[in-house]
Amino acid sequence: MSLGPAEILVILVIALVVFGPSRLPEVSRQVGGAMREFRRVQGTVRRELADTLRDETEVQRRPGATHHPQEPDHDDVGPSPEPVDRGFEGPPGSFS
């Protein structure tokens, strides 16, 4: 999304009409501070995401690594318990 000079001029004229000449510098500083904060948070999120993806890639490249170490491996659960033989149990509510 790119703004040309005409669009910026229209936005400035609308802001001047809405806020007035006395409050326009204050509002501009607040908008600038909000944009700086947004860019700072955006950079932090990008760095954390890149670090996480890099760590995942390193784990997958290790020899013998087939799954993420924090994920449970369903093959390691062990055998199922033996079923208990309780004789014939009819359907619920039957008179047997």
C-alpha atoms as a PDB file:
ATOM      1  CA  MET A   1       0.000   0.000   0.000  1.00  0.00           C
ATOM      2  CA  SER A   2       1.704   3.126  -1.209  1.00  0.00           C
ATOM      3  CA  LEU A   3       0.470   6.667  -0.729  1.00  0.00           C
ATOM      4  CA  GLY A   4       1.254   9.258  -3.337  1.00  0.00           C
ATOM      5  CA  PRO A   5       1.631  12.993  -2.730  1.00  0.00           C
ATOM      6  CA  ALA A   6      -2.023  13.685  -3.565  1.00  0.00           C
ATOM      7  CA  GLU A   7      -3.300  11.147  -1.028  1.00  0.00           C
ATOM      8  CA  ILE A   8      -0.993  12.485   1.694  1.00  0.00           C
ATOM      9  CA  LEU A   9      -2.179  16.051   0.999  1.00  0.00           C
ATOM     10  CA  VAL A  10      -5.831  14.998   1.275  1.00  0.00           C
ATOM     11  CA  ILE A  11      -5.143  13.216   4.583  1.00  0.00           C
ATOM     12  CA  LEU A  12      -3.342  16.297   5.958  1.00  0.00           C
ATOM     13  CA  VAL A  13      -6.183  18.637   4.922  1.00  0.00           C
ATOM     14  CA  ILE A  14      -8.773  16.345   6.545  1.00  0.00           C
ATOM     15  CA  ALA A  15      -6.668  16.135   9.722  1.00  0.00           C
ATOM     16  CA  LEU A  16      -6.314  19.927   9.794  1.00  0.00           C
ATOM     17  CA  VAL A  17     -10.078  20.362   9.469  1.00  0.00           C
ATOM     18  CA  VAL A  18     -10.903  17.684  12.071  1.00  0.00           C
ATOM     19  CA  PHE A  19      -8.303  18.553  14.741  1.00  0.00           C
ATOM     20  CA  GLY A  20      -7.591  22.208  14.035  1.00  0.00           C
ATOM     21  CA  PRO A  21      -4.223  23.951  13.712  1.00  0.00           C
ATOM     22  CA  SER A  22      -3.545  24.053  17.475  1.00  0.00           C
ATOM     23  CA  ARG A  23      -3.955  20.302  18.109  1.00  0.00           C
ATOM     24  CA  LEU A  24      -2.458  19.034  14.845  1.00  0.00           C
ATOM     25  CA  PRO A  25       1.199  18.950  16.096  1.00  0.00           C
ATOM     26  CA  GLU A  26       0.145  17.032  19.239  1.00  0.00           C
ATOM     27  CA  VAL A  27      -1.891  14.523  17.240  1.00  0.00           C
ATOM     28  CA  SER A  28       0.985  14.125  14.767  1.00  0.00           C
ATOM     29  CA  ARG A  29       3.403  13.311  17.605  1.00  0.00           C
ATOM     30  CA  GLN A  30       0.984  10.742  19.001  1.00  0.00           C
ATOM     31  CA  VAL A  31       0.513   9.102  15.598  1.00  0.00           C
ATOM     32  CA  GLY A  32       4.290   9.045  15.070  1.00  0.00           C
ATOM     33  CA  GLY A  33       4.854   7.466  18.493  1.00  0.00           C
ATOM     34  CA  ALA A  34       2.199   4.841  17.792  1.00  0.00           C
ATOM     35  CA  MET A  35       3.826   4.018  14.453  1.00  0.00           C
ATOM     36  CA  ARG A  36       7.257   3.680  16.091  1.00  0.00           C
ATOM     37  CA  GLU A  37       5.817   1.357  18.753  1.00  0.00           C
ATOM     38  CA  PHE A  38       4.031  -0.701  16.104  1.00  0.00           C
ATOM     39  CA  ARG A  39       7.254  -1.094  14.089  1.00  0.00           C
ATOM     40  CA  ARG A  40       9.197  -2.040  17.234  1.00  0.00           C
ATOM     41  CA  VAL A  41       6.663  -4.742  18.140  1.00  0.00           C
ATOM     42  CA  GLN A  42       6.583  -5.932  14.536  1.00  0.00           C
ATOM     43  CA  GLY A  43      10.382  -6.287  14.531  1.00  0.00           C
ATOM     44  CA  THR A  44      10.303  -8.208  17.805  1.00  0.00           C
ATOM     45  CA  VAL A  45       7.686 -10.625  16.478  1.00  0.00           C
ATOM     46  CA  ARG A  46       9.642 -11.147  13.261  1.00  0.00           C
ATOM     47  CA  ARG A  47      12.856 -11.897  15.177  1.00  0.00           C
ATOM     48  CA  GLU A  48      11.127 -14.360  17.499  1.00  0.00           C
ATOM     49  CA  LEU A  49       9.437 -16.086  14.575  1.00  0.00           C
ATOM     50  CA  ALA A  50      12.713 -16.329  12.664  1.00  0.00           C
ATOM     51  CA  ASP A  51      14.474 -17.741  15.754  1.00  0.00           C
ATOM     52  CA  THR A  52      11.752 -20.326  16.246  1.00  0.00           C
ATOM     53  CA  LEU A  53      11.792 -21.393  12.606  1.00  0.00           C
ATOM     54  CA  ARG A  54      15.589 -21.606  12.659  1.00  0.00           C
ATOM     55  CA  ASP A  55      15.485 -23.781  15.790  1.00  0.00           C
ATOM     56  CA  GLU A  56      12.887 -26.074  14.174  1.00  0.00           C
ATOM     57  CA  THR A  57      15.047 -26.406  11.068  1.00  0.00           C
ATOM     58  CA  GLU A  58      18.115 -27.275  13.147  1.00  0.00           C
ATOM     59  CA  VAL A  59      16.191 -29.954  15.038  1.00  0.00           C
ATOM     60  CA  GLN A  60      14.966 -31.512  11.798  1.00  0.00           C
ATOM     61  CA  ARG A  61      18.468 -31.553  10.282  1.00  0.00           C
ATOM     62  CA  ARG A  62      20.016 -33.510  13.154  1.00  0.00           C
ATOM     63  CA  PRO A  63      20.883 -37.112  12.257  1.00  0.00           C
ATOM     64  CA  GLY A  64      18.228 -39.466  13.557  1.00  0.00           C
ATOM     65  CA  ALA A  65      15.828 -36.687  14.532  1.00  0.00           C
ATOM     66  CA  THR A  66      12.400 -37.722  13.322  1.00  0.00           C
ATOM     67  CA  HIS A  67      10.207 -35.565  15.523  1.00  0.00           C
ATOM     68  CA  HIS A  68      10.306 -32.499  17.701  1.00  0.00           C
ATOM     69  CA  PRO A  69      11.650 -33.343  21.193  1.00  0.00           C
ATOM     70  CA  GLN A  70       8.685 -31.645  22.890  1.00  0.00           C
ATOM     71  CA  GLU A  71       6.092 -33.583  20.911  1.00  0.00           C
ATOM     72  CA  PRO A  72       5.045 -36.951  22.329  1.00  0.00           C
ATOM     73  CA  ASP A  73       5.965 -39.940  20.240  1.00  0.00           C
ATOM     74  CA  HIS A  74       2.954 -42.217  20.145  1.00  0.00           C
ATOM     75  CA  ASP A  75       5.155 -45.244  19.439  1.00  0.00           C
ATOM     76  CA  ASP A  76       6.788 -44.858  22.873  1.00  0.00           C
ATOM     77  CA  VAL A  77       3.524 -45.373  24.757  1.00  0.00           C
ATOM     78  CA  GLY A  78       3.968 -49.131  25.105  1.00  0.00           C
ATOM     79  CA  PRO A  79       1.591 -52.061  24.703  1.00  0.00           C
ATOM     80  CA  SER A  80      -2.104 -51.743  25.400  1.00  0.00           C
ATOM     81  CA  PRO A  81      -3.315 -53.288  28.650  1.00  0.00           C
ATOM     82  CA  GLU A  82      -4.871 -56.728  28.355  1.00  0.00           C
ATOM     83  CA  PRO A  83      -8.676 -56.708  28.268  1.00  0.00           C
ATOM     84  CA  VAL A  84     -10.361 -57.988  31.401  1.00  0.00           C
ATOM     85  CA  ASP A  85     -12.767 -60.914  30.831  1.00  0.00           C
ATOM     86  CA  ARG A  86     -15.924 -60.203  32.834  1.00  0.00           C
ATOM     87  CA  GLY A  87     -18.073 -62.804  31.185  1.00  0.00           C
ATOM     88  CA  PHE A  88     -21.080 -61.973  29.051  1.00  0.00           C
ATOM     89  CA  GLU A  89     -22.603 -58.641  29.729  1.00  0.00           C
ATOM     90  CA  GLY A  90     -25.829 -58.055  27.857  1.00  0.00           C
ATOM     91  CA  PRO A  91     -27.102 -54.757  26.667  1.00  0.00           C
ATOM     92  CA  PRO A  92     -27.851 -52.194  29.349  1.00  0.00           C
ATOM     93  CA  GLY A  93     -31.189 -52.725  31.002  1.00  0.00           C
ATOM     94  CA  SER A  94     -31.466 -56.414  30.058  1.00  0.00           C
ATOM     95  CA  PHE A  95     -32.599 -59.106  32.527  1.00  0.00           C
ATOM     96  CA  SER A  96     -29.946 -61.754  32.162  1.00  0.00           C
END
